[in-house]
Structure formats: C-alpha cells, structure tokens
C-alpha cells in the first residue's frame, strides 16, 4: 500500500524529514483515522507540505499504534520518541495533544527527495491529512 502524508508547512517537519532530524512520523487522533490499521512495514509514504507538490518519499521501517491514551501515556510516548518525531518543545506539543486517545508512530527509512508532482484529493475530503491508496498514481494530477 502507498500513503500520502500532508504536512503543515509552518511546522517545518518536511525539512526535518529530509535532513533525517525527524525519522518518525506521528499522527495523534481522538478516533481511529487513516492510517490506523492500514499502514504496515515496507509500505511507501509520500510527503507534501499542504498546498504544495509531493517532494519526498520514504519506506516504512516499523509501525507502533497506541490506543486508550491518557495524558500520562502521551507524556511517556513523547519522552521516549519526541526527539525522533522532531519535536523541539515537548511541553508545548504535549499541551496540544494531551487529550488524544490514539497515536500512530511510523518509523521512516530510505528517505528520498523525488521529482515533484501534484495530487488530486477529490473524494478524500479537502481536510484529509492522510490518504491511503493502492498506488499513488491513482491520485497524481
């Protein structure tokens, strides 16, 4: 399976991925959303900043899913993986996610910059921040 992760440009996470300062992509949710139970080892993740072209791809090395989170469990995850997730201010990040119930940690390997391309999110919802699909060519413009 292939996946498209859409990043918030102002956070600078895509640049951290390409410099290997961020080797874990994390997604925090109140309910089970994509890629929950969809992403697996050896899948491919494509990355783009919101409103920009897709410019990076990576292979999935490992996936860890957490559920029934509490603020204490969230804090423990951040203390163990925060640096690899690319978080600079753990306290500020914690305040934004402390009530989330689900977390997916996606460990990245073979991170590569690729020739830019745009995607068509029709049918996935304009606010979709993660798309799981059989082949990325299905949504290329």
C-alpha atoms as a PDB file:
ATOM      1  CA  UNK A   1       0.000   0.000   0.000  1.00  0.00           C
ATOM      2  CA  UNK A   2       1.075   3.591  -0.548  1.00  0.00           C
ATOM      3  CA  UNK A   3       0.242   6.613   1.562  1.00  0.00           C
ATOM      4  CA  UNK A   4       0.252  10.378   1.240  1.00  0.00           C
ATOM      5  CA  UNK A   5       1.058  12.379   4.367  1.00  0.00           C
ATOM      6  CA  UNK A   6       0.152  16.045   4.177  1.00  0.00           C
ATOM      7  CA  UNK A   7       2.220  18.226   6.491  1.00  0.00           C
ATOM      8  CA  UNK A   8       1.606  21.674   7.927  1.00  0.00           C
ATOM      9  CA  UNK A   9       4.296  23.771   6.241  1.00  0.00           C
ATOM     10  CA  UNK A  10       4.744  26.211   9.141  1.00  0.00           C
ATOM     11  CA  UNK A  11       5.950  23.395  11.420  1.00  0.00           C
ATOM     12  CA  UNK A  12       8.901  22.590   9.133  1.00  0.00           C
ATOM     13  CA  UNK A  13       8.526  18.841   9.558  1.00  0.00           C
ATOM     14  CA  UNK A  14       9.116  18.007   5.882  1.00  0.00           C
ATOM     15  CA  UNK A  15      12.513  19.687   6.020  1.00  0.00           C
ATOM     16  CA  UNK A  16      13.295  17.753   9.204  1.00  0.00           C
ATOM     17  CA  UNK A  17      12.423  14.507   7.419  1.00  0.00           C
ATOM     18  CA  UNK A  18      14.745  15.242   4.501  1.00  0.00           C
ATOM     19  CA  UNK A  19      17.591  16.133   6.886  1.00  0.00           C
ATOM     20  CA  UNK A  20      16.890  12.982   8.988  1.00  0.00           C
ATOM     21  CA  UNK A  21      16.213  15.109  12.088  1.00  0.00           C
ATOM     22  CA  UNK A  22      12.742  13.534  12.031  1.00  0.00           C
ATOM     23  CA  UNK A  23      12.703   9.771  11.486  1.00  0.00           C
ATOM     24  CA  UNK A  24       9.276   9.066  12.990  1.00  0.00           C
ATOM     25  CA  UNK A  25       6.053  10.494  11.609  1.00  0.00           C
ATOM     26  CA  UNK A  26       3.433  10.636  14.345  1.00  0.00           C
ATOM     27  CA  UNK A  27      -0.311  11.033  13.994  1.00  0.00           C
ATOM     28  CA  UNK A  28      -2.485  11.785  17.034  1.00  0.00           C
ATOM     29  CA  UNK A  29      -6.257  11.323  16.938  1.00  0.00           C
ATOM     30  CA  UNK A  30      -9.403  11.289  19.076  1.00  0.00           C
ATOM     31  CA  UNK A  31     -10.805   8.441  16.964  1.00  0.00           C
ATOM     32  CA  UNK A  32      -9.289   5.819  14.688  1.00  0.00           C
ATOM     33  CA  UNK A  33      -8.497   7.552  11.395  1.00  0.00           C
ATOM     34  CA  UNK A  34      -6.340   6.661   8.441  1.00  0.00           C
ATOM     35  CA  UNK A  35      -3.705   5.241   8.536  1.00  0.00           C
ATOM     36  CA  UNK A  36      -4.883   3.306  11.630  1.00  0.00           C
ATOM     37  CA  UNK A  37      -4.639  -0.433  10.823  1.00  0.00           C
ATOM     38  CA  UNK A  38      -3.803   0.431   7.189  1.00  0.00           C
ATOM     39  CA  UNK A  39      -0.081   1.160   7.273  1.00  0.00           C
ATOM     40  CA  UNK A  40       2.460  -1.627   7.549  1.00  0.00           C
ATOM     41  CA  UNK A  41       6.176  -2.287   7.389  1.00  0.00           C
ATOM     42  CA  UNK A  42       7.564  -1.852   3.834  1.00  0.00           C
ATOM     43  CA  UNK A  43       4.683   0.423   2.718  1.00  0.00           C
ATOM     44  CA  UNK A  44       5.680   3.653   0.980  1.00  0.00           C
ATOM     45  CA  UNK A  45       4.790   7.090   2.352  1.00  0.00           C
ATOM     46  CA  UNK A  46       4.872  10.179   0.134  1.00  0.00           C
ATOM     47  CA  UNK A  47       5.077  13.573   1.822  1.00  0.00           C
ATOM     48  CA  UNK A  48       3.951  17.024   0.831  1.00  0.00           C
ATOM     49  CA  UNK A  49       3.501  20.341   2.573  1.00  0.00           C
ATOM     50  CA  UNK A  50      -0.124  21.461   2.442  1.00  0.00           C
ATOM     51  CA  UNK A  51      -0.866  23.211  -0.842  1.00  0.00           C
ATOM     52  CA  UNK A  52       2.495  22.211  -2.336  1.00  0.00           C
ATOM     53  CA  UNK A  53       3.786  19.418  -4.549  1.00  0.00           C
ATOM     54  CA  UNK A  54       4.738  15.984  -3.238  1.00  0.00           C
ATOM     55  CA  UNK A  55       8.542  16.045  -2.932  1.00  0.00           C
ATOM     56  CA  UNK A  56       9.646  13.243  -0.592  1.00  0.00           C
ATOM     57  CA  UNK A  57       9.070   9.532  -0.201  1.00  0.00           C
ATOM     58  CA  UNK A  58      10.083   7.013   2.419  1.00  0.00           C
ATOM     59  CA  UNK A  59       9.776   3.348   3.171  1.00  0.00           C
ATOM     60  CA  UNK A  60       8.081   2.289   6.422  1.00  0.00           C
ATOM     61  CA  UNK A  61      10.517   0.539   8.737  1.00  0.00           C
ATOM     62  CA  UNK A  62       8.096  -0.094  11.618  1.00  0.00           C
ATOM     63  CA  UNK A  63       4.674   0.972  12.898  1.00  0.00           C
ATOM     64  CA  UNK A  64       3.558   1.233  16.521  1.00  0.00           C
ATOM     65  CA  UNK A  65      -0.065   2.029  17.414  1.00  0.00           C
ATOM     66  CA  UNK A  66      -1.249   3.195  20.831  1.00  0.00           C
ATOM     67  CA  UNK A  67      -4.869   3.370  21.983  1.00  0.00           C
ATOM     68  CA  UNK A  68      -6.770   4.315  25.134  1.00  0.00           C
ATOM     69  CA  UNK A  69      -4.253   7.076  25.761  1.00  0.00           C
ATOM     70  CA  UNK A  70      -4.233   9.216  28.881  1.00  0.00           C
ATOM     71  CA  UNK A  71      -2.149  12.357  29.447  1.00  0.00           C
ATOM     72  CA  UNK A  72       0.342  10.191  31.344  1.00  0.00           C
ATOM     73  CA  UNK A  73       0.686   7.724  28.469  1.00  0.00           C
ATOM     74  CA  UNK A  74       1.001  10.583  25.961  1.00  0.00           C
ATOM     75  CA  UNK A  75       3.789  12.097  28.043  1.00  0.00           C
ATOM     76  CA  UNK A  76       5.593   8.747  28.213  1.00  0.00           C
ATOM     77  CA  UNK A  77       5.449   8.372  24.402  1.00  0.00           C
ATOM     78  CA  UNK A  78       6.797  11.908  23.948  1.00  0.00           C
ATOM     79  CA  UNK A  79       9.634  11.359  26.403  1.00  0.00           C
ATOM     80  CA  UNK A  80      10.685   8.167  24.617  1.00  0.00           C
ATOM     81  CA  UNK A  81      10.177   9.210  20.983  1.00  0.00           C
ATOM     82  CA  UNK A  82       9.865  13.028  20.954  1.00  0.00           C
ATOM     83  CA  UNK A  83      13.346  13.719  19.562  1.00  0.00           C
ATOM     84  CA  UNK A  84      12.879  11.199  16.734  1.00  0.00           C
ATOM     85  CA  UNK A  85       9.439  12.714  15.984  1.00  0.00           C
ATOM     86  CA  UNK A  86      11.227  16.051  15.505  1.00  0.00           C
ATOM     87  CA  UNK A  87       9.579  17.908  18.369  1.00  0.00           C
ATOM     88  CA  UNK A  88      11.534  20.887  19.656  1.00  0.00           C
ATOM     89  CA  UNK A  89       9.288  21.971  22.527  1.00  0.00           C
ATOM     90  CA  UNK A  90       7.862  18.882  24.254  1.00  0.00           C
ATOM     91  CA  UNK A  91       5.795  20.875  26.771  1.00  0.00           C
ATOM     92  CA  UNK A  92       4.079  22.934  24.066  1.00  0.00           C
ATOM     93  CA  UNK A  93       3.478  19.876  21.865  1.00  0.00           C
ATOM     94  CA  UNK A  94       2.106  17.936  24.857  1.00  0.00           C
ATOM     95  CA  UNK A  95      -0.422  20.697  25.584  1.00  0.00           C
ATOM     96  CA  UNK A  96      -1.820  20.333  22.061  1.00  0.00           C
ATOM     97  CA  UNK A  97      -2.221  16.549  22.141  1.00  0.00           C
ATOM     98  CA  UNK A  98      -2.578  15.530  25.786  1.00  0.00           C
ATOM     99  CA  UNK A  99      -6.258  14.552  25.388  1.00  0.00           C
ATOM    100  CA  UNK A 100      -5.801  12.491  22.209  1.00  0.00           C
ATOM    101  CA  UNK A 101      -6.877   8.858  22.510  1.00  0.00           C
ATOM    102  CA  UNK A 102      -4.881   7.269  19.651  1.00  0.00           C
ATOM    103  CA  UNK A 103      -1.339   7.602  18.342  1.00  0.00           C
ATOM    104  CA  UNK A 104       0.437   6.030  15.385  1.00  0.00           C
ATOM    105  CA  UNK A 105       4.235   6.150  15.165  1.00  0.00           C
ATOM    106  CA  UNK A 106       5.586   5.488  11.686  1.00  0.00           C
ATOM    107  CA  UNK A 107       9.325   4.835  11.598  1.00  0.00           C
ATOM    108  CA  UNK A 108      10.875   6.001   8.322  1.00  0.00           C
ATOM    109  CA  UNK A 109      13.825   4.667   6.327  1.00  0.00           C
ATOM    110  CA  UNK A 110      15.247   5.217   2.835  1.00  0.00           C
ATOM    111  CA  UNK A 111      14.041   8.827   2.823  1.00  0.00           C
ATOM    112  CA  UNK A 112      14.474  10.340  -0.644  1.00  0.00           C
ATOM    113  CA  UNK A 113      13.656  13.602  -2.341  1.00  0.00           C
ATOM    114  CA  UNK A 114      11.769  12.916  -5.575  1.00  0.00           C
ATOM    115  CA  UNK A 115      10.693  14.809  -8.678  1.00  0.00           C
ATOM    116  CA  UNK A 116       7.776  16.986  -7.539  1.00  0.00           C
ATOM    117  CA  UNK A 117       4.219  16.109  -8.528  1.00  0.00           C
ATOM    118  CA  UNK A 118       0.756  17.257  -7.506  1.00  0.00           C
ATOM    119  CA  UNK A 119      -2.172  15.139  -6.363  1.00  0.00           C
ATOM    120  CA  UNK A 120      -5.936  15.259  -6.738  1.00  0.00           C
ATOM    121  CA  UNK A 121      -7.676  14.805  -3.370  1.00  0.00           C
ATOM    122  CA  UNK A 122     -11.152  14.563  -4.896  1.00  0.00           C
ATOM    123  CA  UNK A 123     -13.225  12.059  -2.965  1.00  0.00           C
ATOM    124  CA  UNK A 124     -10.949  12.108   0.087  1.00  0.00           C
ATOM    125  CA  UNK A 125     -12.152  15.361   1.642  1.00  0.00           C
ATOM    126  CA  UNK A 126     -10.370  18.664   1.403  1.00  0.00           C
ATOM    127  CA  UNK A 127      -9.228  18.448   5.035  1.00  0.00           C
ATOM    128  CA  UNK A 128      -7.675  14.990   4.665  1.00  0.00           C
ATOM    129  CA  UNK A 129      -4.169  14.992   6.105  1.00  0.00           C
ATOM    130  CA  UNK A 130      -3.503  11.320   5.291  1.00  0.00           C
ATOM    131  CA  UNK A 131      -4.547   9.268   2.286  1.00  0.00           C
ATOM    132  CA  UNK A 132      -4.001   5.505   1.979  1.00  0.00           C
ATOM    133  CA  UNK A 133      -4.234   4.126  -1.542  1.00  0.00           C
ATOM    134  CA  UNK A 134      -3.075   1.086  -3.525  1.00  0.00           C
ATOM    135  CA  UNK A 135      -0.916   3.170  -5.880  1.00  0.00           C
ATOM    136  CA  UNK A 136      -0.002   6.856  -5.712  1.00  0.00           C
ATOM    137  CA  UNK A 137      -0.501   7.118  -9.479  1.00  0.00           C
ATOM    138  CA  UNK A 138      -4.254   6.841  -8.843  1.00  0.00           C
ATOM    139  CA  UNK A 139      -4.267  10.379  -7.394  1.00  0.00           C
ATOM    140  CA  UNK A 140      -1.480  12.043  -9.392  1.00  0.00           C
ATOM    141  CA  UNK A 141      -2.528  15.068 -11.463  1.00  0.00           C
END
